[in-house]
C-alpha atoms as a PDB file:
ATOM      1  CA  MET A   1      15.469 -20.719   9.368  1.00  0.00           C
ATOM      2  CA  ILE A   2      13.396 -20.787   6.459  1.00  0.00           C
ATOM      3  CA  ILE A   3      10.885 -18.240   7.802  1.00  0.00           C
ATOM      4  CA  PHE A   4      13.548 -15.465   7.153  1.00  0.00           C
ATOM      5  CA  PRO A   5      12.957 -16.132   2.889  1.00  0.00           C
ATOM      6  CA  ILE A   6       9.503 -16.489   2.950  1.00  0.00           C
ATOM      7  CA  VAL A   7       8.869 -13.244   4.789  1.00  0.00           C
ATOM      8  CA  ILE A   8      11.238 -11.680   2.363  1.00  0.00           C
ATOM      9  CA  MET A   9       9.930 -13.189  -0.331  1.00  0.00           C
ATOM     10  CA  VAL A  10       6.122 -12.128   0.878  1.00  0.00           C
ATOM     11  CA  SER A  11       7.142  -8.601   1.539  1.00  0.00           C
ATOM     12  CA  LEU A  12       9.094  -8.040  -1.797  1.00  0.00           C
ATOM     13  CA  ILE A  13       5.550  -9.447  -3.912  1.00  0.00           C
ATOM     14  CA  LEU A  14       3.743  -7.398  -2.027  1.00  0.00           C
ATOM     15  CA  TYR A  15       5.622  -4.147  -2.129  1.00  0.00           C
ATOM     16  CA  VAL A  16       5.354  -4.880  -5.993  1.00  0.00           C
ATOM     17  CA  TYR A  17       1.887  -5.373  -6.008  1.00  0.00           C
ATOM     18  CA  TYR A  18       0.960  -2.065  -3.875  1.00  0.00           C
ATOM     19  CA  LYS A  19       2.999   0.023  -6.527  1.00  0.00           C
ATOM     20  CA  VAL A  20       1.349  -1.576  -9.248  1.00  0.00           C
ATOM     21  CA  ALA A  21      -2.286  -0.951  -7.339  1.00  0.00           C
ATOM     22  CA  ILE A  22      -0.575   3.028  -7.386  1.00  0.00           C
ATOM     23  CA  LEU A  23      -0.664   3.052 -10.952  1.00  0.00           C
ATOM     24  CA  ARG A  24      -3.959   1.467 -11.406  1.00  0.00           C
ATOM     25  CA  SER A  25      -5.886   3.697  -8.783  1.00  0.00           C
ATOM     26  CA  ASN A  26      -7.104   7.541  -9.871  1.00  0.00           C
ATOM     27  CA  ASP A  27      -7.992   8.435  -6.255  1.00  0.00           C
ATOM     28  CA  THR A  28      -5.074  10.356  -4.682  1.00  0.00           C
ATOM     29  CA  LEU A  29      -5.617   9.696  -1.266  1.00  0.00           C
ATOM     30  CA  ASN A  30      -5.935   5.845  -2.245  1.00  0.00           C
ATOM     31  CA  GLN A  31      -2.761   6.225  -3.829  1.00  0.00           C
ATOM     32  CA  LEU A  32      -1.055   7.597  -0.962  1.00  0.00           C
ATOM     33  CA  TYR A  33      -2.765   5.079   1.580  1.00  0.00           C
ATOM     34  CA  MET A  34      -1.196   2.169  -1.506  1.00  0.00           C
ATOM     35  CA  ASN A  35       2.435   4.032  -1.167  1.00  0.00           C
ATOM     36  CA  ALA A  36       2.097   3.740   2.881  1.00  0.00           C
ATOM     37  CA  LYS A  37       1.589   0.089   2.257  1.00  0.00           C
ATOM     38  CA  GLY A  38       4.037  -0.443  -0.017  1.00  0.00           C
ATOM     39  CA  LYS A  39       7.020   1.131   2.474  1.00  0.00           C
ATOM     40  CA  ILE A  40       5.456  -1.285   4.985  1.00  0.00           C
ATOM     41  CA  CYS A  41       6.762  -4.305   2.526  1.00  0.00           C
ATOM     42  CA  LEU A  42       9.745  -2.419   1.669  1.00  0.00           C
ATOM     43  CA  GLY A  43      10.737  -1.963   5.745  1.00  0.00           C
ATOM     44  CA  LEU A  44       9.628  -5.042   6.444  1.00  0.00           C
ATOM     45  CA  PHE A  45      11.803  -6.321   3.558  1.00  0.00           C
ATOM     46  CA  VAL A  46      14.758  -4.600   4.674  1.00  0.00           C
ATOM     47  CA  VAL A  47      14.456  -5.505   7.872  1.00  0.00           C
ATOM     48  CA  PHE A  48      14.121  -9.249   7.252  1.00  0.00           C
ATOM     49  CA  PHE A  49      16.784  -9.249   4.768  1.00  0.00           C
ATOM     50  CA  GLY A  50      19.589  -7.676   7.109  1.00  0.00           C
ATOM     51  CA  VAL A  51      18.934 -10.183   9.865  1.00  0.00           C
ATOM     52  CA  ASN A  52      18.945 -12.894   7.764  1.00  0.00           C
ATOM     53  CA  GLN A  53      22.212 -11.995   6.423  1.00  0.00           C
ATOM     54  CA  TYR A  54      23.728 -11.696   9.331  1.00  0.00           C
ATOM     55  CA  LEU A  55      22.395 -15.251  10.463  1.00  0.00           C
ATOM     56  CA  TYR A  56      23.648 -16.513   7.419  1.00  0.00           C
ATOM     57  CA  TYR A  57      27.068 -15.076   7.332  1.00  0.00           C
ATOM     58  CA  GLN A  58      27.690 -14.048  11.084  1.00  0.00           C
ATOM     59  CA  THR A  59      31.170 -11.882  10.771  1.00  0.00           C
ATOM     60  CA  GLN A  60      31.527  -8.635  12.108  1.00  0.00           C
ATOM     61  CA  LEU A  61      31.052  -7.206   8.718  1.00  0.00           C
ATOM     62  CA  ALA A  62      27.520  -8.875   8.353  1.00  0.00           C
ATOM     63  CA  LEU A  63      26.676  -7.783  11.826  1.00  0.00           C
ATOM     64  CA  TYR A  64      27.317  -4.064  10.831  1.00  0.00           C
ATOM     65  CA  ILE A  65      25.470  -4.525   6.859  1.00  0.00           C
ATOM     66  CA  GLY A  66      23.028  -6.113   9.354  1.00  0.00           C
ATOM     67  CA  ILE A  67      22.343  -3.510  11.783  1.00  0.00           C
ATOM     68  CA  VAL A  68      22.208  -0.413   9.227  1.00  0.00           C
ATOM     69  CA  PHE A  69      20.130  -2.839   7.087  1.00  0.00           C
ATOM     70  CA  PHE A  70      17.849  -3.258  10.250  1.00  0.00           C
ATOM     71  CA  LEU A  71      17.691   0.439  11.404  1.00  0.00           C
ATOM     72  CA  MET A  72      16.977   1.782   7.899  1.00  0.00           C
ATOM     73  CA  GLY A  73      14.128  -0.932   7.308  1.00  0.00           C
ATOM     74  CA  ALA A  74      12.772   0.133  10.481  1.00  0.00           C
ATOM     75  CA  LEU A  75      12.329   3.392   9.751  1.00  0.00           C
ATOM     76  CA  GLN A  76      10.623   2.721   6.471  1.00  0.00           C
ATOM     77  CA  LEU A  77       8.032   0.487   8.628  1.00  0.00           C
ATOM     78  CA  VAL A  78       7.534   2.812  11.213  1.00  0.00           C
ATOM     79  CA  ASP A  79       7.235   5.849   8.570  1.00  0.00           C
ATOM     80  CA  GLY A  80       4.763   3.815   6.661  1.00  0.00           C
ATOM     81  CA  TYR A  81       2.874   3.006   9.182  1.00  0.00           C
ATOM     82  CA  LYS A  82       2.145   6.590  10.700  1.00  0.00           C
ATOM     83  CA  ARG A  83       1.014   6.919   6.783  1.00  0.00           C
ATOM     84  CA  ALA A  84      -0.906   4.439   6.505  1.00  0.00           C
ATOM     85  CA  ARG A  85      -2.905   5.176  10.023  1.00  0.00           C
ATOM     86  CA  HIS A  86      -3.393   8.643   8.972  1.00  0.00           C
ATOM     87  CA  TYR A  87      -4.883   7.808   5.315  1.00  0.00           C
ATOM     88  CA  ARG A  88      -6.882   5.237   6.477  1.00  0.00           C
ATOM     89  CA  LYS A  89      -8.545   7.928   8.754  1.00  0.00           C
ATOM     90  CA  GLU A  90      -8.656  10.409   5.681  1.00  0.00           C
ATOM     91  CA  GLN A  91     -10.816   7.900   3.854  1.00  0.00           C
ATOM     92  CA  LYS A  92     -13.202   6.843   6.464  1.00  0.00           C
ATOM     93  CA  ARG A  93     -13.575  10.755   7.481  1.00  0.00           C
ATOM     94  CA  LEU A  94     -14.140  11.372   3.697  1.00  0.00           C
ATOM     95  CA  SER A  95     -16.587   8.770   3.492  1.00  0.00           C
ATOM     96  CA  ARG A  96     -18.820   9.394   6.286  1.00  0.00           C
ATOM     97  CA  GLU A  97     -19.107  13.317   4.449  1.00  0.00           C
END
């Protein structure tokens, strides 16, 4: 299961990238969009971290902790996706005007 650590590392690197991109941008809408993309990466990180921990330990405690991580990550992922979609539409709408 080498795919899980790779996805975990890539999502963590992208999360840090988007958080740094927020600091470099002066446009508020762009900052909100980058924050939403960062939330997506954070959600992926937490989901895959929870799944990886359960697959590594395979105990009942690891299952419960993995479920909590999975749910928290899924909530971050869905919220970030909704926000990113909204801010992307706002950017397109403002660029047409």
